PDB file of all heavy atoms in Angstrom:
ATOM      1  N   LEU A   1      90.564  96.440  92.675  1.00  0.00           N
ATOM      2  CA  LEU A   1      89.826  96.476  91.477  1.00  0.00           C
ATOM      3  C   LEU A   1      90.765  96.350  90.245  1.00  0.00           C
ATOM      4  O   LEU A   1      91.784  97.071  90.209  1.00  0.00           O
ATOM      5  CB  LEU A   1      88.916  97.748  91.277  1.00  0.00           C
ATOM      6  CG  LEU A   1      87.585  97.680  91.924  1.00  0.00           C
ATOM      7  CD1 LEU A   1      87.582  97.478  93.431  1.00  0.00           C
ATOM      8  CD2 LEU A   1      86.757  98.946  91.535  1.00  0.00           C
ATOM      9  N   ALA A   2      90.490  95.433  89.317  1.00  0.00           N
ATOM     10  CA  ALA A   2      91.225  95.279  88.114  1.00  0.00           C
ATOM     11  C   ALA A   2      90.993  96.481  87.202  1.00  0.00           C
ATOM     12  O   ALA A   2      89.968  97.137  87.431  1.00  0.00           O
ATOM     13  CB  ALA A   2      90.857  93.969  87.435  1.00  0.00           C
ATOM     14  N   PRO A   3      91.834  96.708  86.244  1.00  0.00           N
ATOM     15  CA  PRO A   3      91.627  97.908  85.360  1.00  0.00           C
ATOM     16  C   PRO A   3      90.182  97.839  84.701  1.00  0.00           C
ATOM     17  O   PRO A   3      89.598  98.919  84.599  1.00  0.00           O
ATOM     18  CB  PRO A   3      92.699  97.734  84.341  1.00  0.00           C
ATOM     19  CG  PRO A   3      93.810  97.026  85.011  1.00  0.00           C
ATOM     20  CD  PRO A   3      93.136  96.080  85.975  1.00  0.00           C
ATOM     21  N   ALA A   4      89.716  96.691  84.369  1.00  0.00           N
ATOM     22  CA  ALA A   4      88.412  96.633  83.800  1.00  0.00           C
ATOM     23  C   ALA A   4      87.281  96.975  84.707  1.00  0.00           C
ATOM     24  O   ALA A   4      86.341  97.673  84.420  1.00  0.00           O
ATOM     25  CB  ALA A   4      88.121  95.170  83.214  1.00  0.00           C
ATOM     26  N   ALA A   5      87.544  96.564  85.985  1.00  0.00           N
ATOM     27  CA  ALA A   5      86.485  96.928  87.089  1.00  0.00           C
ATOM     28  C   ALA A   5      86.583  98.435  87.284  1.00  0.00           C
ATOM     29  O   ALA A   5      85.535  98.978  87.591  1.00  0.00           O
ATOM     30  CB  ALA A   5      86.885  96.080  88.312  1.00  0.00           C
ATOM     31  N   LEU A   6      87.703  99.097  87.275  1.00  0.00           N
ATOM     32  CA  LEU A   6      87.918 100.507  87.526  1.00  0.00           C
ATOM     33  C   LEU A   6      87.118 101.271  86.359  1.00  0.00           C
ATOM     34  O   LEU A   6      86.503 102.281  86.543  1.00  0.00           O
ATOM     35  CB  LEU A   6      89.336 100.981  87.571  1.00  0.00           C
ATOM     36  CG  LEU A   6      90.136 100.450  88.754  1.00  0.00           C
ATOM     37  CD1 LEU A   6      91.633 100.730  88.629  1.00  0.00           C
ATOM     38  CD2 LEU A   6      89.614 101.255  90.058  1.00  0.00           C
ATOM     39  N   LYS A   7      87.305 100.678  85.199  1.00  0.00           N
ATOM     40  CA  LYS A   7      86.532 101.326  84.006  1.00  0.00           C
ATOM     41  C   LYS A   7      84.995 101.166  84.210  1.00  0.00           C
ATOM     42  O   LYS A   7      84.280 102.097  84.002  1.00  0.00           O
ATOM     43  CB  LYS A   7      86.974 100.667  82.758  1.00  0.00           C
ATOM     44  CG  LYS A   7      86.419 101.258  81.509  1.00  0.00           C
ATOM     45  CD  LYS A   7      86.856 100.479  80.192  1.00  0.00           C
ATOM     46  CE  LYS A   7      86.266 101.054  78.992  1.00  0.00           C
ATOM     47  NZ  LYS A   7      86.680 100.384  77.875  1.00  0.00           N
ATOM     48  N   ASP A   8      84.606  99.981  84.708  1.00  0.00           N
ATOM     49  CA  ASP A   8      83.161  99.673  84.994  1.00  0.00           C
ATOM     50  C   ASP A   8      82.743 100.725  86.053  1.00  0.00           C
ATOM     51  O   ASP A   8      81.555 101.264  85.904  1.00  0.00           O
ATOM     52  CB  ASP A   8      82.949  98.333  85.437  1.00  0.00           C
ATOM     53  CG  ASP A   8      83.187  97.296  84.416  1.00  0.00           C
ATOM     54  OD1 ASP A   8      83.139  97.528  83.252  1.00  0.00           O
ATOM     55  OD2 ASP A   8      83.495  96.145  84.856  1.00  0.00           O
ATOM     56  N   LEU A   9      83.526 100.921  87.114  1.00  0.00           N
ATOM     57  CA  LEU A   9      83.120 101.799  88.163  1.00  0.00           C
ATOM     58  C   LEU A   9      82.883 103.164  87.691  1.00  0.00           C
ATOM     59  O   LEU A   9      81.966 103.878  88.067  1.00  0.00           O
ATOM     60  CB  LEU A   9      84.220 101.705  89.302  1.00  0.00           C
ATOM     61  CG  LEU A   9      83.938 102.666  90.542  1.00  0.00           C
ATOM     62  CD1 LEU A   9      82.742 102.290  91.267  1.00  0.00           C
ATOM     63  CD2 LEU A   9      85.072 102.596  91.494  1.00  0.00           C
ATOM     64  N   LYS A  10      83.846 103.721  86.932  1.00  0.00           N
ATOM     65  CA  LYS A  10      83.750 105.084  86.402  1.00  0.00           C
ATOM     66  C   LYS A  10      82.435 105.263  85.653  1.00  0.00           C
ATOM     67  O   LYS A  10      81.803 106.247  85.778  1.00  0.00           O
ATOM     68  CB  LYS A  10      84.967 105.339  85.524  1.00  0.00           C
ATOM     69  CG  LYS A  10      85.041 106.844  84.970  1.00  0.00           C
ATOM     70  CD  LYS A  10      86.321 107.001  84.188  1.00  0.00           C
ATOM     71  CE  LYS A  10      86.475 108.514  83.758  1.00  0.00           C
ATOM     72  NZ  LYS A  10      85.471 108.759  82.735  1.00  0.00           N
ATOM     73  N   ARG A  11      82.113 104.207  84.836  1.00  0.00           N
ATOM     74  CA  ARG A  11      80.935 104.320  83.919  1.00  0.00           C
ATOM     75  C   ARG A  11      79.716 104.249  84.794  1.00  0.00           C
ATOM     76  O   ARG A  11      78.738 105.039  84.625  1.00  0.00           O
ATOM     77  CB  ARG A  11      80.843 103.166  82.952  1.00  0.00           C
ATOM     78  CG  ARG A  11      79.672 103.125  81.987  1.00  0.00           C
ATOM     79  CD  ARG A  11      79.822 102.078  81.013  1.00  0.00           C
ATOM     80  NE  ARG A  11      80.925 102.141  80.193  1.00  0.00           N
ATOM     81  CZ  ARG A  11      81.764 101.116  79.951  1.00  0.00           C
ATOM     82  NH1 ARG A  11      81.447  99.858  80.480  1.00  0.00           N
ATOM     83  NH2 ARG A  11      82.815 101.185  79.175  1.00  0.00           N
ATOM     84  N   ILE A  12      79.608 103.358  85.855  1.00  0.00           N
ATOM     85  CA  ILE A  12      78.550 103.324  86.785  1.00  0.00           C
ATOM     86  C   ILE A  12      78.252 104.601  87.454  1.00  0.00           C
ATOM     87  O   ILE A  12      77.130 105.022  87.563  1.00  0.00           O
ATOM     88  CB  ILE A  12      78.695 102.039  87.715  1.00  0.00           C
ATOM     89  CG1 ILE A  12      78.575 100.766  86.972  1.00  0.00           C
ATOM     90  CG2 ILE A  12      77.719 102.148  88.837  1.00  0.00           C
ATOM     91  CD1 ILE A  12      79.072  99.601  87.755  1.00  0.00           C
ATOM     92  N   GLU A  13      79.355 105.240  87.953  1.00  0.00           N
ATOM     93  CA  GLU A  13      79.292 106.473  88.653  1.00  0.00           C
ATOM     94  C   GLU A  13      78.708 107.564  87.696  1.00  0.00           C
ATOM     95  O   GLU A  13      77.902 108.429  88.189  1.00  0.00           O
ATOM     96  CB  GLU A  13      80.539 106.890  89.250  1.00  0.00           C
ATOM     97  CG  GLU A  13      80.998 105.957  90.445  1.00  0.00           C
ATOM     98  CD  GLU A  13      82.370 106.212  90.964  1.00  0.00           C
ATOM     99  OE1 GLU A  13      83.168 106.814  90.237  1.00  0.00           O
ATOM    100  OE2 GLU A  13      82.615 105.869  92.151  1.00  0.00           O
ATOM    101  N   GLU A  14      79.185 107.624  86.529  1.00  0.00           N
ATOM    102  CA  GLU A  14      78.739 108.585  85.500  1.00  0.00           C
ATOM    103  C   GLU A  14      77.288 108.437  85.199  1.00  0.00           C
ATOM    104  O   GLU A  14      76.645 109.495  84.893  1.00  0.00           O
ATOM    105  CB  GLU A  14      79.547 108.513  84.248  1.00  0.00           C
ATOM    106  CG  GLU A  14      81.076 108.953  84.459  1.00  0.00           C
ATOM    107  CD  GLU A  14      81.892 108.661  83.127  1.00  0.00           C
ATOM    108  OE1 GLU A  14      81.429 107.859  82.241  1.00  0.00           O
ATOM    109  OE2 GLU A  14      83.008 109.185  83.136  1.00  0.00           O
ATOM    110  N   LEU A  15      76.778 107.273  85.250  1.00  0.00           N
ATOM    111  CA  LEU A  15      75.329 107.009  84.937  1.00  0.00           C
ATOM    112  C   LEU A  15      74.490 107.307  86.200  1.00  0.00           C
ATOM    113  O   LEU A  15      73.249 107.279  86.063  1.00  0.00           O
ATOM    114  CB  LEU A  15      75.170 105.537  84.508  1.00  0.00           C
ATOM    115  CG  LEU A  15      75.752 105.121  83.151  1.00  0.00           C
ATOM    116  CD1 LEU A  15      75.625 103.660  82.905  1.00  0.00           C
ATOM    117  CD2 LEU A  15      75.123 105.977  81.991  1.00  0.00           C
ATOM    118  N   GLY A  16      75.061 107.641  87.305  1.00  0.00           N
ATOM    119  CA  GLY A  16      74.371 108.019  88.509  1.00  0.00           C
ATOM    120  C   GLY A  16      73.975 106.858  89.419  1.00  0.00           C
ATOM    121  O   GLY A  16      73.086 107.046  90.286  1.00  0.00           O
ATOM    122  N   PHE A  17      74.745 105.745  89.242  1.00  0.00           N
ATOM    123  CA  PHE A  17      74.389 104.640  90.135  1.00  0.00           C
ATOM    124  C   PHE A  17      75.607 104.268  91.151  1.00  0.00           C
ATOM    125  O   PHE A  17      75.714 103.054  91.583  1.00  0.00           O
ATOM    126  CB  PHE A  17      74.119 103.396  89.208  1.00  0.00           C
ATOM    127  CG  PHE A  17      72.913 103.617  88.293  1.00  0.00           C
ATOM    128  CD1 PHE A  17      72.983 103.724  87.053  1.00  0.00           C
ATOM    129  CD2 PHE A  17      71.605 103.460  89.000  1.00  0.00           C
ATOM    130  CE1 PHE A  17      71.942 103.938  86.196  1.00  0.00           C
ATOM    131  CE2 PHE A  17      70.505 103.627  88.137  1.00  0.00           C
ATOM    132  CZ  PHE A  17      70.584 103.843  86.690  1.00  0.00           C
ATOM    133  N   GLY A  18      76.374 105.279  91.517  1.00  0.00           N
ATOM    134  CA  GLY A  18      77.481 105.083  92.277  1.00  0.00           C
ATOM    135  C   GLY A  18      77.244 104.743  93.812  1.00  0.00           C
ATOM    136  O   GLY A  18      78.222 104.562  94.535  1.00  0.00           O
ATOM    137  N   LYS A  19      75.982 104.710  94.194  1.00  0.00           N
ATOM    138  CA  LYS A  19      75.625 104.491  95.612  1.00  0.00           C
ATOM    139  C   LYS A  19      74.794 103.235  95.801  1.00  0.00           C
ATOM    140  O   LYS A  19      74.258 102.952  96.954  1.00  0.00           O
ATOM    141  CB  LYS A  19      74.908 105.641  96.218  1.00  0.00           C
ATOM    142  CG  LYS A  19      75.727 107.006  96.174  1.00  0.00           C
ATOM    143  CD  LYS A  19      76.959 106.936  97.038  1.00  0.00           C
ATOM    144  CE  LYS A  19      77.725 108.260  96.963  1.00  0.00           C
ATOM    145  NZ  LYS A  19      77.070 109.375  97.546  1.00  0.00           N
ATOM    146  N   LEU A  20      74.659 102.426  94.727  1.00  0.00           N
ATOM    147  CA  LEU A  20      73.850 101.172  94.904  1.00  0.00           C
ATOM    148  C   LEU A  20      74.562 100.190  95.762  1.00  0.00           C
ATOM    149  O   LEU A  20      75.719 100.171  95.953  1.00  0.00           O
ATOM    150  CB  LEU A  20      73.712 100.501  93.535  1.00  0.00           C
ATOM    151  CG  LEU A  20      72.813 101.209  92.537  1.00  0.00           C
ATOM    152  CD1 LEU A  20      72.695 100.414  91.202  1.00  0.00           C
ATOM    153  CD2 LEU A  20      71.366 101.443  93.019  1.00  0.00           C
ATOM    154  N   PRO A  21      73.719  99.284  96.449  1.00  0.00           N
ATOM    155  CA  PRO A  21      74.283  98.221  97.252  1.00  0.00           C
ATOM    156  C   PRO A  21      75.136  97.222  96.245  1.00  0.00           C
ATOM    157  O   PRO A  21      74.990  97.387  95.045  1.00  0.00           O
ATOM    158  CB  PRO A  21      72.996  97.355  97.726  1.00  0.00           C
ATOM    159  CG  PRO A  21      71.907  98.354  97.652  1.00  0.00           C
ATOM    160  CD  PRO A  21      72.273  99.270  96.493  1.00  0.00           C
ATOM    161  N   VAL A  22      76.042  96.480  96.880  1.00  0.00           N
ATOM    162  CA  VAL A  22      76.774  95.590  95.982  1.00  0.00           C
ATOM    163  C   VAL A  22      76.576  94.151  96.386  1.00  0.00           C
ATOM    164  O   VAL A  22      76.198  93.783  97.460  1.00  0.00           O
ATOM    165  CB  VAL A  22      78.314  95.877  96.238  1.00  0.00           C
ATOM    166  CG1 VAL A  22      78.733  97.251  95.689  1.00  0.00           C
ATOM    167  CG2 VAL A  22      78.760  95.763  97.771  1.00  0.00           C
ATOM    168  N   CYS A  23      76.613  93.285  95.241  1.00  0.00           N
ATOM    169  CA  CYS A  23      76.396  91.941  95.361  1.00  0.00           C
ATOM    170  C   CYS A  23      77.595  91.130  94.876  1.00  0.00           C
ATOM    171  O   CYS A  23      77.838  91.115  93.605  1.00  0.00           O
ATOM    172  CB  CYS A  23      75.115  91.546  94.533  1.00  0.00           C
ATOM    173  SG  CYS A  23      74.675  89.844  94.419  1.00  0.00           S
ATOM    174  N   VAL A  24      78.320  90.630  95.689  1.00  0.00           N
ATOM    175  CA  VAL A  24      79.677  89.959  95.336  1.00  0.00           C
ATOM    176  C   VAL A  24      79.350  88.548  94.830  1.00  0.00           C
ATOM    177  O   VAL A  24      78.672  87.729  95.399  1.00  0.00           O
ATOM    178  CB  VAL A  24      80.618  89.815  96.549  1.00  0.00           C
ATOM    179  CG1 VAL A  24      81.895  89.210  96.171  1.00  0.00           C
ATOM    180  CG2 VAL A  24      80.867  91.227  97.096  1.00  0.00           C
ATOM    181  N   ALA A  25      79.940  88.295  93.662  1.00  0.00           N
ATOM    182  CA  ALA A  25      79.890  86.984  92.954  1.00  0.00           C
ATOM    183  C   ALA A  25      81.270  86.294  93.210  1.00  0.00           C
ATOM    184  O   ALA A  25      82.207  86.804  92.565  1.00  0.00           O
ATOM    185  CB  ALA A  25      79.486  87.018  91.493  1.00  0.00           C
ATOM    186  N   LYS A  26      81.273  85.233  93.943  1.00  0.00           N
ATOM    187  CA  LYS A  26      82.561  84.536  94.231  1.00  0.00           C
ATOM    188  C   LYS A  26      82.274  83.192  94.534  1.00  0.00           C
ATOM    189  O   LYS A  26      81.123  82.764  94.695  1.00  0.00           O
ATOM    190  CB  LYS A  26      83.308  85.255  95.251  1.00  0.00           C
ATOM    191  CG  LYS A  26      82.867  85.088  96.746  1.00  0.00           C
ATOM    192  CD  LYS A  26      83.721  85.597  97.753  1.00  0.00           C
ATOM    193  CE  LYS A  26      83.214  85.190  99.200  1.00  0.00           C
ATOM    194  NZ  LYS A  26      83.308  83.728  99.470  1.00  0.00           N
ATOM    195  N   THR A  27      83.280  82.331  94.772  1.00  0.00           N
ATOM    196  CA  THR A  27      83.195  80.974  95.164  1.00  0.00           C
ATOM    197  C   THR A  27      82.478  80.785  96.462  1.00  0.00           C
ATOM    198  O   THR A  27      82.782  81.560  97.450  1.00  0.00           O
ATOM    199  CB  THR A  27      84.567  80.210  95.279  1.00  0.00           C
ATOM    200  OG1 THR A  27      84.349  78.921  95.612  1.00  0.00           O
ATOM    201  CG2 THR A  27      85.514  80.951  96.254  1.00  0.00           C
ATOM    202  N   PRO A  28      81.610  79.771  96.647  1.00  0.00           N
ATOM    203  CA  PRO A  28      80.952  79.519  97.956  1.00  0.00           C
ATOM    204  C   PRO A  28      81.906  78.662  98.862  1.00  0.00           C
ATOM    205  O   PRO A  28      81.496  78.464 100.036  1.00  0.00           O
ATOM    206  CB  PRO A  28      79.661  78.816  97.632  1.00  0.00           C
ATOM    207  CG  PRO A  28      80.092  78.063  96.351  1.00  0.00           C
ATOM    208  CD  PRO A  28      81.034  78.958  95.567  1.00  0.00           C
ATOM    209  N   PHE A  29      82.919  78.117  98.324  1.00  0.00           N
ATOM    210  CA  PHE A  29      83.772  77.163  99.026  1.00  0.00           C
ATOM    211  C   PHE A  29      84.804  77.789 100.043  1.00  0.00           C
ATOM    212  O   PHE A  29      85.440  77.069 100.791  1.00  0.00           O
ATOM    213  CB  PHE A  29      84.408  76.203  98.140  1.00  0.00           C
ATOM    214  CG  PHE A  29      83.505  75.373  97.321  1.00  0.00           C
ATOM    215  CD1 PHE A  29      83.685  75.283  95.941  1.00  0.00           C
ATOM    216  CD2 PHE A  29      82.323  74.792  97.910  1.00  0.00           C
ATOM    217  CE1 PHE A  29      82.731  74.527  95.203  1.00  0.00           C
ATOM    218  CE2 PHE A  29      81.477  74.081  97.118  1.00  0.00           C
ATOM    219  CZ  PHE A  29      81.669  73.976  95.781  1.00  0.00           C
ATOM    220  N   SER A  30      84.955  79.131  99.949  1.00  0.00           N
ATOM    221  CA  SER A  30      85.955  79.842 100.708  1.00  0.00           C
ATOM    222  C   SER A  30      85.471  81.148 101.067  1.00  0.00           C
ATOM    223  O   SER A  30      84.649  81.773 100.366  1.00  0.00           O
ATOM    224  CB  SER A  30      87.315  79.806  99.945  1.00  0.00           C
ATOM    225  OG  SER A  30      88.262  80.696 100.642  1.00  0.00           O
ATOM    226  N   LEU A  31      86.042  81.787 102.076  1.00  0.00           N
ATOM    227  CA  LEU A  31      85.740  83.172 102.419  1.00  0.00           C
ATOM    228  C   LEU A  31      86.551  84.037 101.425  1.00  0.00           C
ATOM    229  O   LEU A  31      86.221  85.245 101.396  1.00  0.00           O
ATOM    230  CB  LEU A  31      86.197  83.478 103.933  1.00  0.00           C
ATOM    231  CG  LEU A  31      85.359  82.719 104.924  1.00  0.00           C
ATOM    232  CD1 LEU A  31      86.054  82.761 106.289  1.00  0.00           C
ATOM    233  CD2 LEU A  31      83.962  83.335 105.056  1.00  0.00           C
ATOM    234  N   THR A  32      87.445  83.580 100.698  1.00  0.00           N
ATOM    235  CA  THR A  32      88.210  84.252  99.731  1.00  0.00           C
ATOM    236  C   THR A  32      87.672  84.034  98.353  1.00  0.00           C
ATOM    237  O   THR A  32      86.508  83.437  98.129  1.00  0.00           O
ATOM    238  CB  THR A  32      89.597  83.883  99.731  1.00  0.00           C
ATOM    239  OG1 THR A  32      89.842  82.646  99.144  1.00  0.00           O
ATOM    240  CG2 THR A  32      90.135  83.779 101.236  1.00  0.00           C
ATOM    241  N   ASP A  33      88.382  84.473  97.282  1.00  0.00           N
ATOM    242  CA  ASP A  33      88.020  84.137  95.931  1.00  0.00           C
ATOM    243  C   ASP A  33      88.552  82.798  95.468  1.00  0.00           C
ATOM    244  O   ASP A  33      88.385  82.361  94.391  1.00  0.00           O
ATOM    245  CB  ASP A  33      88.443  85.198  94.929  1.00  0.00           C
ATOM    246  CG  ASP A  33      90.003  85.301  94.841  1.00  0.00           C
ATOM    247  OD1 ASP A  33      90.622  85.408  95.892  1.00  0.00           O
ATOM    248  OD2 ASP A  33      90.558  85.185  93.711  1.00  0.00           O
ATOM    249  N   ASP A  34      89.392  82.193  96.382  1.00  0.00           N
ATOM    250  CA  ASP A  34      90.106  80.928  95.972  1.00  0.00           C
ATOM    251  C   ASP A  34      89.435  79.720  96.668  1.00  0.00           C
ATOM    252  O   ASP A  34      89.461  79.659  97.899  1.00  0.00           O
ATOM    253  CB  ASP A  34      91.567  81.031  96.406  1.00  0.00           C
ATOM    254  CG  ASP A  34      92.327  79.733  96.116  1.00  0.00           C
ATOM    255  OD1 ASP A  34      91.717  78.766  95.550  1.00  0.00           O
ATOM    256  OD2 ASP A  34      93.545  79.650  96.537  1.00  0.00           O
TER     257      ASP A  34
END
């Protein structure tokens, strides 16, 4: 997690949503982000 994502995570957990499912947004052309 990048610093901005860590900040997002902290806020999401403080709001009570720390157990939600996750939906990854990434390229469809690879199993990676590249």
